């Protein structure tokens, strides 16, 4: 499995030493694809508007719905090719209107890795 390599800081495309678009392979490609998938809002992907987290639902109405959001993140992460299980832990830094988290991913080969979003 290959994916276009994205810069960790800007989430933009990267070029290799020959000035071609850089690619990455599994397992890093799977982890990067998970991080990308959970950053998408429902309807944002023009070629498939069914992808993404539904922002217009009741998920963001109060703190008790953080569990619902975590389950939605886990569902989306589990749908990425190469992932067999996902467990999301949400964190809330001191800034308002900002929610981050860590997803523990189990890959097809049985290894686990953490993905921050």
C-alpha atoms as a PDB file:
ATOM      1  CA  UNK A   1       0.000   0.000   0.000  1.00  0.00           C
ATOM      2  CA  UNK A   2       1.260   3.456  -0.922  1.00  0.00           C
ATOM      3  CA  UNK A   3       0.016   6.941  -0.171  1.00  0.00           C
ATOM      4  CA  UNK A   4       1.228  10.420  -1.000  1.00  0.00           C
ATOM      5  CA  UNK A   5       3.544  11.593   1.777  1.00  0.00           C
ATOM      6  CA  UNK A   6       2.259  14.596   3.708  1.00  0.00           C
ATOM      7  CA  UNK A   7       4.326  17.049   5.744  1.00  0.00           C
ATOM      8  CA  UNK A   8       3.592  16.551   9.467  1.00  0.00           C
ATOM      9  CA  UNK A   9       3.470  20.278  10.197  1.00  0.00           C
ATOM     10  CA  UNK A  10       1.513  21.648   7.238  1.00  0.00           C
ATOM     11  CA  UNK A  11      -0.336  18.520   6.054  1.00  0.00           C
ATOM     12  CA  UNK A  12       0.758  19.434   2.537  1.00  0.00           C
ATOM     13  CA  UNK A  13       2.367  17.348  -0.206  1.00  0.00           C
ATOM     14  CA  UNK A  14       6.115  16.679  -0.049  1.00  0.00           C
ATOM     15  CA  UNK A  15       8.582  16.280  -2.910  1.00  0.00           C
ATOM     16  CA  UNK A  16      11.472  13.825  -2.900  1.00  0.00           C
ATOM     17  CA  UNK A  17      15.116  14.451  -3.835  1.00  0.00           C
ATOM     18  CA  UNK A  18      14.223  14.194  -7.559  1.00  0.00           C
ATOM     19  CA  UNK A  19      11.433  16.796  -7.172  1.00  0.00           C
ATOM     20  CA  UNK A  20       8.719  14.150  -7.645  1.00  0.00           C
ATOM     21  CA  UNK A  21       5.761  13.785  -5.301  1.00  0.00           C
ATOM     22  CA  UNK A  22       6.984  11.702  -2.380  1.00  0.00           C
ATOM     23  CA  UNK A  23       5.131   8.541  -1.404  1.00  0.00           C
ATOM     24  CA  UNK A  24       5.087   6.480   1.757  1.00  0.00           C
ATOM     25  CA  UNK A  25       4.344   2.803   2.282  1.00  0.00           C
ATOM     26  CA  UNK A  26       2.743   0.723   5.016  1.00  0.00           C
ATOM     27  CA  UNK A  27       2.760   0.892   7.959  1.00  0.00           C
ATOM     28  CA  UNK A  28       3.305   4.669   7.864  1.00  0.00           C
ATOM     29  CA  UNK A  29       0.884   5.083   4.939  1.00  0.00           C
ATOM     30  CA  UNK A  30      -1.911   3.421   6.932  1.00  0.00           C
ATOM     31  CA  UNK A  31      -1.330   5.671   9.947  1.00  0.00           C
ATOM     32  CA  UNK A  32      -1.255   8.769   7.757  1.00  0.00           C
ATOM     33  CA  UNK A  33      -4.471   7.671   6.018  1.00  0.00           C
ATOM     34  CA  UNK A  34      -6.164   7.270   9.425  1.00  0.00           C
ATOM     35  CA  UNK A  35      -5.045  10.751  10.497  1.00  0.00           C
ATOM     36  CA  UNK A  36      -6.412  12.149   7.244  1.00  0.00           C
ATOM     37  CA  UNK A  37      -9.717  10.266   7.450  1.00  0.00           C
ATOM     38  CA  UNK A  38     -10.584  11.558  10.934  1.00  0.00           C
ATOM     39  CA  UNK A  39      -9.927  15.168   9.886  1.00  0.00           C
ATOM     40  CA  UNK A  40     -12.675  15.130   7.243  1.00  0.00           C
ATOM     41  CA  UNK A  41     -16.123  16.598   7.848  1.00  0.00           C
ATOM     42  CA  UNK A  42     -19.161  14.944   6.312  1.00  0.00           C
ATOM     43  CA  UNK A  43     -19.692  16.202   2.767  1.00  0.00           C
ATOM     44  CA  UNK A  44     -16.227  17.761   2.482  1.00  0.00           C
ATOM     45  CA  UNK A  45     -14.831  15.180   0.033  1.00  0.00           C
ATOM     46  CA  UNK A  46     -16.281  16.144  -3.330  1.00  0.00           C
ATOM     47  CA  UNK A  47     -15.889  12.732  -4.955  1.00  0.00           C
ATOM     48  CA  UNK A  48     -17.715  10.963  -2.081  1.00  0.00           C
ATOM     49  CA  UNK A  49     -19.826  13.209   0.152  1.00  0.00           C
ATOM     50  CA  UNK A  50     -20.670  10.228   2.408  1.00  0.00           C
ATOM     51  CA  UNK A  51     -17.163  10.302   3.943  1.00  0.00           C
ATOM     52  CA  UNK A  52     -16.376  12.157   7.158  1.00  0.00           C
ATOM     53  CA  UNK A  53     -17.628  13.062  10.628  1.00  0.00           C
ATOM     54  CA  UNK A  54     -21.063  14.656  10.794  1.00  0.00           C
ATOM     55  CA  UNK A  55     -20.534  18.129  12.254  1.00  0.00           C
ATOM     56  CA  UNK A  56     -24.191  19.124  12.046  1.00  0.00           C
ATOM     57  CA  UNK A  57     -25.314  16.416  14.464  1.00  0.00           C
ATOM     58  CA  UNK A  58     -25.645  16.734  18.230  1.00  0.00           C
ATOM     59  CA  UNK A  59     -22.032  15.601  18.748  1.00  0.00           C
ATOM     60  CA  UNK A  60     -20.788  19.120  19.474  1.00  0.00           C
ATOM     61  CA  UNK A  61     -23.669  20.337  21.650  1.00  0.00           C
ATOM     62  CA  UNK A  62     -22.233  19.394  25.063  1.00  0.00           C
ATOM     63  CA  UNK A  63     -19.331  17.672  26.770  1.00  0.00           C
ATOM     64  CA  UNK A  64     -21.225  14.403  27.333  1.00  0.00           C
ATOM     65  CA  UNK A  65     -21.234  13.813  23.588  1.00  0.00           C
ATOM     66  CA  UNK A  66     -17.445  13.416  23.554  1.00  0.00           C
ATOM     67  CA  UNK A  67     -18.043   9.672  23.874  1.00  0.00           C
ATOM     68  CA  UNK A  68     -20.187   9.746  20.724  1.00  0.00           C
ATOM     69  CA  UNK A  69     -17.467  11.649  18.864  1.00  0.00           C
ATOM     70  CA  UNK A  70     -14.783   9.197  20.039  1.00  0.00           C
ATOM     71  CA  UNK A  71     -16.867   6.260  18.751  1.00  0.00           C
ATOM     72  CA  UNK A  72     -17.345   8.017  15.415  1.00  0.00           C
ATOM     73  CA  UNK A  73     -13.584   8.586  15.138  1.00  0.00           C
ATOM     74  CA  UNK A  74     -13.000   4.899  15.916  1.00  0.00           C
ATOM     75  CA  UNK A  75     -15.527   3.851  13.265  1.00  0.00           C
ATOM     76  CA  UNK A  76     -13.904   6.006  10.610  1.00  0.00           C
ATOM     77  CA  UNK A  77     -10.391   4.867  11.557  1.00  0.00           C
ATOM     78  CA  UNK A  78     -11.463   1.215  11.433  1.00  0.00           C
ATOM     79  CA  UNK A  79     -12.691   1.657   7.854  1.00  0.00           C
ATOM     80  CA  UNK A  80      -9.197   2.542   6.597  1.00  0.00           C
ATOM     81  CA  UNK A  81      -7.576  -0.327   4.683  1.00  0.00           C
ATOM     82  CA  UNK A  82      -4.982  -2.088   6.828  1.00  0.00           C
ATOM     83  CA  UNK A  83      -6.639  -1.291  10.183  1.00  0.00           C
ATOM     84  CA  UNK A  84      -8.185  -4.080  12.263  1.00  0.00           C
ATOM     85  CA  UNK A  85      -9.035  -2.077  15.412  1.00  0.00           C
ATOM     86  CA  UNK A  86      -9.048   1.506  16.654  1.00  0.00           C
ATOM     87  CA  UNK A  87      -9.429   3.033  20.114  1.00  0.00           C
ATOM     88  CA  UNK A  88      -9.796   6.816  20.476  1.00  0.00           C
ATOM     89  CA  UNK A  89      -8.926   8.916  23.507  1.00  0.00           C
ATOM     90  CA  UNK A  90      -9.976  12.556  23.246  1.00  0.00           C
ATOM     91  CA  UNK A  91      -8.005  15.300  24.964  1.00  0.00           C
ATOM     92  CA  UNK A  92      -8.965  18.901  25.596  1.00  0.00           C
ATOM     93  CA  UNK A  93      -6.158  21.423  25.700  1.00  0.00           C
ATOM     94  CA  UNK A  94      -6.706  24.742  27.479  1.00  0.00           C
ATOM     95  CA  UNK A  95      -7.831  26.482  24.301  1.00  0.00           C
ATOM     96  CA  UNK A  96     -11.521  26.973  23.633  1.00  0.00           C
ATOM     97  CA  UNK A  97     -13.149  25.234  20.679  1.00  0.00           C
ATOM     98  CA  UNK A  98     -10.252  22.857  20.194  1.00  0.00           C
ATOM     99  CA  UNK A  99     -10.381  19.125  20.609  1.00  0.00           C
ATOM    100  CA  UNK A 100      -7.529  16.748  19.935  1.00  0.00           C
ATOM    101  CA  UNK A 101      -6.970  13.110  20.551  1.00  0.00           C
ATOM    102  CA  UNK A 102      -4.959   9.971  20.109  1.00  0.00           C
ATOM    103  CA  UNK A 103      -6.110   6.880  18.251  1.00  0.00           C
ATOM    104  CA  UNK A 104      -4.460   3.568  19.090  1.00  0.00           C
ATOM    105  CA  UNK A 105      -4.459   1.615  15.824  1.00  0.00           C
ATOM    106  CA  UNK A 106      -3.985  -2.112  15.386  1.00  0.00           C
ATOM    107  CA  UNK A 107      -2.723  -3.018  11.926  1.00  0.00           C
ATOM    108  CA  UNK A 108      -3.338  -6.185   9.907  1.00  0.00           C
ATOM    109  CA  UNK A 109       0.019  -7.585  11.013  1.00  0.00           C
ATOM    110  CA  UNK A 110      -0.953  -7.239  14.703  1.00  0.00           C
ATOM    111  CA  UNK A 111       1.279  -4.275  15.518  1.00  0.00           C
ATOM    112  CA  UNK A 112      -0.132  -1.222  17.246  1.00  0.00           C
ATOM    113  CA  UNK A 113       0.713   2.447  16.801  1.00  0.00           C
ATOM    114  CA  UNK A 114      -0.697   5.747  17.994  1.00  0.00           C
ATOM    115  CA  UNK A 115      -2.014   8.448  15.680  1.00  0.00           C
ATOM    116  CA  UNK A 116      -2.535  11.981  16.988  1.00  0.00           C
ATOM    117  CA  UNK A 117      -5.147  14.263  15.519  1.00  0.00           C
END
